[in-house]
Each structure stands twice: as C-alpha cells, then as structure tokens.
Amino acid sequence: MIFELAEHLPPVVCDRVQIEQVVVNLLANARDALGERPPDQRQITLRSRIEQAAVMFEVEDCGGGVAPQVVKRLFEPFVTPK
C-alpha cells in the first residue's frame, strides 16, 4: 500500500462512522479488483489533498477497471460492477 497523504489538513466536519464505512468499502473494492493480478503487481494508493477549499481523499488501485456498460450507470442505485 502506498500513502500519499497531505500534511496539515484542516479538520473536517462529518459523521466519522459513515466516513469510516466509506473508506472500508473503497479499500475492500480495491482489494477485490486486484484479486486476479499477480501479488507483485497489486498496488493500492491512498491519497489526500486540499482542492478548492475541500479535503479530498482518494483510493486508487491498479485493477482492471469498470466495464464500459457499467460506467454509464455506475452512480444509479443498486448498480455494481461485480
């Protein structure tokens, strides 16, 4: 796992339990996406930064990506690439 975390980020007002669950879900999805890759090619990057007065947090993996037919509907309720 690679950490690219910004230093001195401002406090964020949020529900800690909900944000924790989002991060856990993103990490689980990243782990699942890497399942078919050889162990030496598995990589997950956690990144944080400030962008336009907002704190951004990203989870990036080197999995196969999302199928084109799923991309169009990815943010609809109950749509999953799995």
N, C-alpha and C. Protein backbone atom coordinates (compact mmCIF):
# COMPACT_ATOMS: atom_id res chain seq x y z
N MET A 1 0.84 -1.16 0.00
CA MET A 1 0.00 0.00 0.00
C MET A 1 0.89 1.23 0.00
N ILE A 2 0.49 2.21 -0.78
CA ILE A 2 1.24 3.46 -0.89
C ILE A 2 0.41 4.57 -0.27
N PHE A 3 1.03 5.38 0.57
CA PHE A 3 0.35 6.51 1.21
C PHE A 3 0.91 7.81 0.66
N GLU A 4 0.04 8.63 0.08
CA GLU A 4 0.40 9.97 -0.39
C GLU A 4 -0.53 10.94 0.33
N LEU A 5 -0.29 11.12 1.61
CA LEU A 5 -1.19 11.89 2.45
C LEU A 5 -0.63 13.29 2.70
N ALA A 6 -1.46 14.29 2.46
CA ALA A 6 -1.05 15.67 2.69
C ALA A 6 -0.90 15.91 4.19
N GLU A 7 0.03 16.78 4.52
CA GLU A 7 0.23 17.15 5.91
C GLU A 7 -0.59 18.39 6.23
N HIS A 8 -0.93 18.53 7.48
CA HIS A 8 -1.60 19.73 7.99
C HIS A 8 -2.95 20.00 7.32
N LEU A 9 -3.74 18.96 7.14
CA LEU A 9 -5.08 19.15 6.61
C LEU A 9 -5.98 19.76 7.68
N PRO A 10 -6.93 20.60 7.27
CA PRO A 10 -7.83 21.19 8.26
C PRO A 10 -8.82 20.14 8.77
N PRO A 11 -9.42 20.39 9.92
CA PRO A 11 -10.45 19.48 10.42
C PRO A 11 -11.64 19.45 9.45
N VAL A 12 -12.29 18.30 9.38
CA VAL A 12 -13.44 18.12 8.51
C VAL A 12 -14.65 17.79 9.38
N VAL A 13 -15.74 18.49 9.14
CA VAL A 13 -16.98 18.21 9.87
C VAL A 13 -17.72 17.11 9.12
N CYS A 14 -17.88 15.95 9.75
CA CYS A 14 -18.53 14.82 9.09
C CYS A 14 -18.94 13.79 10.14
N ASP A 15 -19.69 12.82 9.70
CA ASP A 15 -20.04 11.68 10.56
C ASP A 15 -18.89 10.68 10.46
N ARG A 16 -18.14 10.53 11.52
CA ARG A 16 -16.94 9.68 11.50
C ARG A 16 -17.25 8.24 11.14
N VAL A 17 -18.38 7.73 11.62
CA VAL A 17 -18.74 6.34 11.35
C VAL A 17 -19.05 6.16 9.86
N GLN A 18 -19.78 7.10 9.28
CA GLN A 18 -20.10 6.99 7.85
C GLN A 18 -18.85 7.10 6.98
N ILE A 19 -17.97 8.03 7.31
CA ILE A 19 -16.74 8.18 6.52
C ILE A 19 -15.87 6.94 6.67
N GLU A 20 -15.79 6.40 7.87
CA GLU A 20 -15.03 5.17 8.08
C GLU A 20 -15.58 4.04 7.22
N GLN A 21 -16.90 3.91 7.16
CA GLN A 21 -17.51 2.86 6.36
C GLN A 21 -17.23 3.05 4.87
N VAL A 22 -17.26 4.29 4.42
CA VAL A 22 -16.93 4.57 3.01
C VAL A 22 -15.50 4.14 2.70
N VAL A 23 -14.57 4.49 3.57
CA VAL A 23 -13.15 4.13 3.35
C VAL A 23 -12.99 2.61 3.38
N VAL A 24 -13.63 1.95 4.33
CA VAL A 24 -13.55 0.48 4.40
C VAL A 24 -14.10 -0.14 3.11
N ASN A 25 -15.23 0.37 2.63
CA ASN A 25 -15.81 -0.16 1.39
C ASN A 25 -14.90 0.08 0.19
N LEU A 26 -14.31 1.27 0.10
CA LEU A 26 -13.40 1.56 -1.01
C LEU A 26 -12.18 0.65 -0.97
N LEU A 27 -11.64 0.41 0.21
CA LEU A 27 -10.48 -0.48 0.32
C LEU A 27 -10.85 -1.92 -0.01
N ALA A 28 -12.03 -2.36 0.40
CA ALA A 28 -12.48 -3.72 0.07
C ALA A 28 -12.67 -3.86 -1.44
N ASN A 29 -13.25 -2.85 -2.08
CA ASN A 29 -13.42 -2.88 -3.53
C ASN A 29 -12.07 -2.92 -4.24
N ALA A 30 -11.12 -2.12 -3.75
CA ALA A 30 -9.78 -2.11 -4.35
C ALA A 30 -9.12 -3.47 -4.20
N ARG A 31 -9.24 -4.07 -3.01
CA ARG A 31 -8.68 -5.41 -2.79
C ARG A 31 -9.30 -6.42 -3.75
N ASP A 32 -10.62 -6.37 -3.90
CA ASP A 32 -11.30 -7.30 -4.80
C ASP A 32 -10.86 -7.10 -6.25
N ALA A 33 -10.64 -5.85 -6.65
CA ALA A 33 -10.23 -5.56 -8.02
C ALA A 33 -8.85 -6.12 -8.33
N LEU A 34 -8.04 -6.32 -7.31
CA LEU A 34 -6.67 -6.81 -7.52
C LEU A 34 -6.56 -8.33 -7.45
N GLY A 35 -7.66 -9.01 -7.16
CA GLY A 35 -7.63 -10.44 -6.94
C GLY A 35 -7.05 -11.26 -8.08
N GLU A 36 -7.22 -10.82 -9.31
CA GLU A 36 -6.74 -11.57 -10.47
C GLU A 36 -5.30 -11.25 -10.84
N ARG A 37 -4.74 -10.21 -10.24
CA ARG A 37 -3.38 -9.81 -10.59
C ARG A 37 -2.36 -10.58 -9.75
N PRO A 38 -1.18 -10.82 -10.30
CA PRO A 38 -0.13 -11.46 -9.50
C PRO A 38 0.21 -10.60 -8.28
N PRO A 39 0.59 -11.23 -7.18
CA PRO A 39 0.87 -10.47 -5.95
C PRO A 39 1.85 -9.31 -6.12
N ASP A 40 2.87 -9.48 -6.95
CA ASP A 40 3.86 -8.42 -7.11
C ASP A 40 3.35 -7.25 -7.95
N GLN A 41 2.14 -7.38 -8.53
CA GLN A 41 1.55 -6.30 -9.34
C GLN A 41 0.36 -5.65 -8.65
N ARG A 42 0.08 -6.03 -7.42
CA ARG A 42 -1.05 -5.46 -6.68
C ARG A 42 -0.60 -4.20 -5.97
N GLN A 43 -1.36 -3.13 -6.19
CA GLN A 43 -0.99 -1.86 -5.58
C GLN A 43 -2.25 -1.06 -5.27
N ILE A 44 -2.34 -0.55 -4.06
CA ILE A 44 -3.41 0.35 -3.66
C ILE A 44 -2.75 1.62 -3.14
N THR A 45 -3.23 2.77 -3.60
CA THR A 45 -2.70 4.05 -3.18
C THR A 45 -3.79 4.82 -2.45
N LEU A 46 -3.46 5.32 -1.26
CA LEU A 46 -4.34 6.22 -0.51
C LEU A 46 -3.75 7.61 -0.63
N ARG A 47 -4.60 8.56 -1.01
CA ARG A 47 -4.11 9.91 -1.30
C ARG A 47 -5.05 10.93 -0.66
N SER A 48 -4.49 11.99 -0.09
CA SER A 48 -5.32 13.09 0.41
C SER A 48 -4.67 14.41 -0.02
N ARG A 49 -5.53 15.43 -0.14
CA ARG A 49 -5.04 16.75 -0.54
C ARG A 49 -6.14 17.78 -0.32
N ILE A 50 -5.78 19.03 -0.41
CA ILE A 50 -6.76 20.11 -0.39
C ILE A 50 -6.97 20.55 -1.82
N GLU A 51 -8.23 20.67 -2.21
CA GLU A 51 -8.57 21.11 -3.56
C GLU A 51 -9.77 22.03 -3.48
N GLN A 52 -9.59 23.27 -3.90
CA GLN A 52 -10.67 24.27 -3.90
C GLN A 52 -11.38 24.32 -2.55
N ALA A 53 -10.63 24.49 -1.50
CA ALA A 53 -11.15 24.62 -0.13
C ALA A 53 -11.86 23.37 0.37
N ALA A 54 -11.62 22.23 -0.23
CA ALA A 54 -12.19 20.97 0.23
C ALA A 54 -11.06 19.97 0.47
N VAL A 55 -11.27 19.08 1.41
CA VAL A 55 -10.30 18.00 1.63
C VAL A 55 -10.73 16.83 0.76
N MET A 56 -9.83 16.38 -0.08
CA MET A 56 -10.09 15.27 -1.00
C MET A 56 -9.36 14.03 -0.48
N PHE A 57 -10.03 12.89 -0.59
CA PHE A 57 -9.44 11.61 -0.21
C PHE A 57 -9.70 10.64 -1.35
N GLU A 58 -8.66 9.93 -1.79
CA GLU A 58 -8.79 9.01 -2.92
C GLU A 58 -8.23 7.65 -2.56
N VAL A 59 -8.86 6.63 -3.10
CA VAL A 59 -8.34 5.26 -3.05
C VAL A 59 -8.18 4.83 -4.50
N GLU A 60 -6.97 4.48 -4.88
CA GLU A 60 -6.69 4.10 -6.27
C GLU A 60 -6.08 2.70 -6.28
N ASP A 61 -6.55 1.87 -7.22
CA ASP A 61 -5.96 0.54 -7.36
C ASP A 61 -5.56 0.35 -8.82
N CYS A 62 -4.85 -0.71 -9.10
CA CYS A 62 -4.40 -0.99 -10.46
C CYS A 62 -5.15 -2.21 -11.03
N GLY A 63 -6.41 -2.34 -10.64
CA GLY A 63 -7.26 -3.42 -11.14
C GLY A 63 -7.68 -3.16 -12.58
N GLY A 64 -8.56 -4.01 -13.06
CA GLY A 64 -8.98 -3.96 -14.46
C GLY A 64 -9.91 -2.83 -14.84
N GLY A 65 -10.45 -2.12 -13.87
CA GLY A 65 -11.35 -1.01 -14.17
C GLY A 65 -12.79 -1.47 -14.25
N VAL A 66 -13.65 -0.56 -14.64
CA VAL A 66 -15.09 -0.81 -14.71
C VAL A 66 -15.47 -1.03 -16.16
N ALA A 67 -16.28 -2.04 -16.41
CA ALA A 67 -16.72 -2.36 -17.78
C ALA A 67 -17.48 -1.18 -18.37
N PRO A 68 -17.31 -0.91 -19.67
CA PRO A 68 -17.97 0.24 -20.30
C PRO A 68 -19.50 0.25 -20.11
N GLN A 69 -20.15 -0.91 -20.12
CA GLN A 69 -21.60 -0.94 -19.97
C GLN A 69 -22.03 -0.56 -18.55
N VAL A 70 -21.13 -0.69 -17.58
CA VAL A 70 -21.44 -0.33 -16.20
C VAL A 70 -21.16 1.15 -15.94
N VAL A 71 -20.17 1.72 -16.63
CA VAL A 71 -19.77 3.10 -16.40
C VAL A 71 -20.95 4.06 -16.54
N LYS A 72 -21.79 3.85 -17.53
CA LYS A 72 -22.93 4.75 -17.78
C LYS A 72 -23.92 4.76 -16.62
N ARG A 73 -23.99 3.67 -15.86
CA ARG A 73 -24.99 3.55 -14.81
C ARG A 73 -24.38 3.45 -13.42
N LEU A 74 -23.10 3.70 -13.29
CA LEU A 74 -22.38 3.44 -12.05
C LEU A 74 -22.96 4.16 -10.83
N PHE A 75 -23.49 5.35 -11.00
CA PHE A 75 -23.99 6.10 -9.86
C PHE A 75 -25.49 5.98 -9.67
N GLU A 76 -26.12 5.04 -10.35
CA GLU A 76 -27.53 4.74 -10.11
C GLU A 76 -27.62 3.81 -8.91
N PRO A 77 -28.72 3.90 -8.16
CA PRO A 77 -28.86 2.99 -7.01
C PRO A 77 -28.82 1.52 -7.43
N PHE A 78 -28.16 0.72 -6.63
CA PHE A 78 -28.11 -0.73 -6.76
C PHE A 78 -27.35 -1.22 -8.00
N VAL A 79 -26.55 -0.37 -8.61
CA VAL A 79 -25.70 -0.80 -9.74
C VAL A 79 -24.33 -1.14 -9.18
N THR A 80 -23.80 -2.27 -9.59
CA THR A 80 -22.47 -2.68 -9.13
C THR A 80 -21.69 -3.28 -10.29
N PRO A 81 -20.38 -3.09 -10.32
CA PRO A 81 -19.57 -3.70 -11.38
C PRO A 81 -19.28 -5.16 -11.09
N LYS A 82 -19.69 -5.67 -9.93
CA LYS A 82 -19.40 -7.06 -9.57
C LYS A 82 -20.42 -8.01 -10.16
